[in-house]
Amino acid sequence: MFLDEATSALDSASERVVQDALETAAVGRTTFTIAHRLSTIKRSDIILVIADGRLVEEGSHDELMSREGVYYDLYTKGQQ
């Protein structure tokens, strides 16, 4: 499955419903999700962070948060 910001126009409640359905549909499948809203990919197995056309970080949400790098900065700014 390829998803390009599938929930960008939704309110938080609708986003959660769609996210739950997408996660169910993704079981046993490789899924690529392009996301600007980082809550969209928080539960992904592997997150690739691309900046200026280059891969700068890779890992799970928890791994990337613990490194306090680019993903951490973007995620914490989005939570404010």
C-alpha atoms as a PDB file:
ATOM      1  CA  MET A   1       0.000   0.000   0.000  1.00  0.00           C
ATOM      2  CA  PHE A   2       1.182   3.528  -0.740  1.00  0.00           C
ATOM      3  CA  LEU A   3      -0.406   6.338   1.263  1.00  0.00           C
ATOM      4  CA  ASP A   4       0.336  10.007   0.650  1.00  0.00           C
ATOM      5  CA  GLU A   5      -0.856  11.964   3.686  1.00  0.00           C
ATOM      6  CA  ALA A   6      -4.113  10.039   3.814  1.00  0.00           C
ATOM      7  CA  THR A   7      -5.406  11.927   6.877  1.00  0.00           C
ATOM      8  CA  SER A   8      -4.183  15.484   6.257  1.00  0.00           C
ATOM      9  CA  ALA A   9      -7.649  17.039   5.866  1.00  0.00           C
ATOM     10  CA  LEU A  10      -9.286  15.254   8.811  1.00  0.00           C
ATOM     11  CA  ASP A  11     -10.056  16.368  12.356  1.00  0.00           C
ATOM     12  CA  SER A  12      -8.416  14.397  15.182  1.00  0.00           C
ATOM     13  CA  ALA A  13     -11.359  12.056  15.821  1.00  0.00           C
ATOM     14  CA  SER A  14     -11.797  11.184  12.137  1.00  0.00           C
ATOM     15  CA  GLU A  15      -8.030  10.790  11.756  1.00  0.00           C
ATOM     16  CA  ARG A  16      -7.992   8.167  14.536  1.00  0.00           C
ATOM     17  CA  VAL A  17     -10.802   6.170  12.866  1.00  0.00           C
ATOM     18  CA  VAL A  18      -8.998   6.223   9.506  1.00  0.00           C
ATOM     19  CA  GLN A  19      -5.633   5.396  11.136  1.00  0.00           C
ATOM     20  CA  ASP A  20      -7.117   2.380  12.918  1.00  0.00           C
ATOM     21  CA  ALA A  21      -8.655   1.121   9.652  1.00  0.00           C
ATOM     22  CA  LEU A  22      -5.388   1.648   7.755  1.00  0.00           C
ATOM     23  CA  GLU A  23      -3.392  -0.183  10.434  1.00  0.00           C
ATOM     24  CA  THR A  24      -5.787  -3.132  10.194  1.00  0.00           C
ATOM     25  CA  ALA A  25      -5.513  -3.153   6.391  1.00  0.00           C
ATOM     26  CA  ALA A  26      -1.706  -2.964   6.589  1.00  0.00           C
ATOM     27  CA  VAL A  27      -1.271  -6.120   8.682  1.00  0.00           C
ATOM     28  CA  GLY A  28       0.948  -8.500   6.728  1.00  0.00           C
ATOM     29  CA  ARG A  29       1.648  -5.905   4.032  1.00  0.00           C
ATOM     30  CA  THR A  30       4.485  -3.535   3.302  1.00  0.00           C
ATOM     31  CA  THR A  31       3.125   0.002   3.546  1.00  0.00           C
ATOM     32  CA  PHE A  32       4.814   3.248   2.555  1.00  0.00           C
ATOM     33  CA  THR A  33       3.278   6.344   4.094  1.00  0.00           C
ATOM     34  CA  ILE A  34       4.279   9.887   3.197  1.00  0.00           C
ATOM     35  CA  ALA A  35       3.474  12.071   6.184  1.00  0.00           C
ATOM     36  CA  HIS A  36       3.769  15.662   7.222  1.00  0.00           C
ATOM     37  CA  ARG A  37       1.632  15.134  10.331  1.00  0.00           C
ATOM     38  CA  LEU A  38       3.930  12.918  12.400  1.00  0.00           C
ATOM     39  CA  SER A  39       1.101  11.397  14.426  1.00  0.00           C
ATOM     40  CA  THR A  40       0.263   9.594  11.166  1.00  0.00           C
ATOM     41  CA  ILE A  41       3.434   7.484  11.377  1.00  0.00           C
ATOM     42  CA  LYS A  42       4.044   7.254  15.130  1.00  0.00           C
ATOM     43  CA  ARG A  43       3.195   3.519  15.252  1.00  0.00           C
ATOM     44  CA  SER A  44       5.167   2.583  12.109  1.00  0.00           C
ATOM     45  CA  ASP A  45       7.809  -0.138  12.435  1.00  0.00           C
ATOM     46  CA  ILE A  46      10.438   1.939  10.618  1.00  0.00           C
ATOM     47  CA  ILE A  47      10.397   5.683  10.001  1.00  0.00           C
ATOM     48  CA  LEU A  48      12.706   7.255   7.430  1.00  0.00           C
ATOM     49  CA  VAL A  49      13.416  10.960   7.927  1.00  0.00           C
ATOM     50  CA  ILE A  50      14.333  12.814   4.747  1.00  0.00           C
ATOM     51  CA  ALA A  51      15.679  16.371   4.848  1.00  0.00           C
ATOM     52  CA  ASP A  52      16.977  18.333   1.870  1.00  0.00           C
ATOM     53  CA  GLY A  53      16.529  15.249  -0.319  1.00  0.00           C
ATOM     54  CA  ARG A  54      18.736  13.045   1.900  1.00  0.00           C
ATOM     55  CA  LEU A  55      17.959  10.272   4.351  1.00  0.00           C
ATOM     56  CA  VAL A  56      19.083  11.704   7.691  1.00  0.00           C
ATOM     57  CA  GLU A  57      17.547   9.322  10.252  1.00  0.00           C
ATOM     58  CA  GLU A  58      15.932   5.894  10.439  1.00  0.00           C
ATOM     59  CA  GLY A  59      14.258   4.001  13.260  1.00  0.00           C
ATOM     60  CA  SER A  60      11.061   3.533  15.234  1.00  0.00           C
ATOM     61  CA  HIS A  61       9.318   6.488  16.867  1.00  0.00           C
ATOM     62  CA  ASP A  62      10.847   5.624  20.250  1.00  0.00           C
ATOM     63  CA  GLU A  63      14.346   5.190  18.802  1.00  0.00           C
ATOM     64  CA  LEU A  64      14.172   8.490  16.930  1.00  0.00           C
ATOM     65  CA  MET A  65      12.813  10.341  19.961  1.00  0.00           C
ATOM     66  CA  SER A  66      15.630   8.994  22.157  1.00  0.00           C
ATOM     67  CA  ARG A  67      18.246  10.293  19.682  1.00  0.00           C
ATOM     68  CA  GLU A  68      16.850  13.842  19.928  1.00  0.00           C
ATOM     69  CA  GLY A  69      17.702  14.581  16.280  1.00  0.00           C
ATOM     70  CA  VAL A  70      15.702  15.932  13.344  1.00  0.00           C
ATOM     71  CA  TYR A  71      12.628  13.746  13.993  1.00  0.00           C
ATOM     72  CA  TYR A  72      12.614  14.688  17.675  1.00  0.00           C
ATOM     73  CA  ASP A  73      12.764  18.385  16.818  1.00  0.00           C
ATOM     74  CA  LEU A  74       9.922  18.103  14.294  1.00  0.00           C
ATOM     75  CA  TYR A  75       7.777  15.957  16.581  1.00  0.00           C
ATOM     76  CA  THR A  76       8.172  18.147  19.657  1.00  0.00           C
ATOM     77  CA  LYS A  77       7.468  21.321  17.658  1.00  0.00           C
ATOM     78  CA  GLY A  78       4.281  19.720  16.352  1.00  0.00           C
ATOM     79  CA  GLN A  79       3.110  18.909  19.889  1.00  0.00           C
ATOM     80  CA  GLN A  80       3.195  22.524  21.059  1.00  0.00           C
END
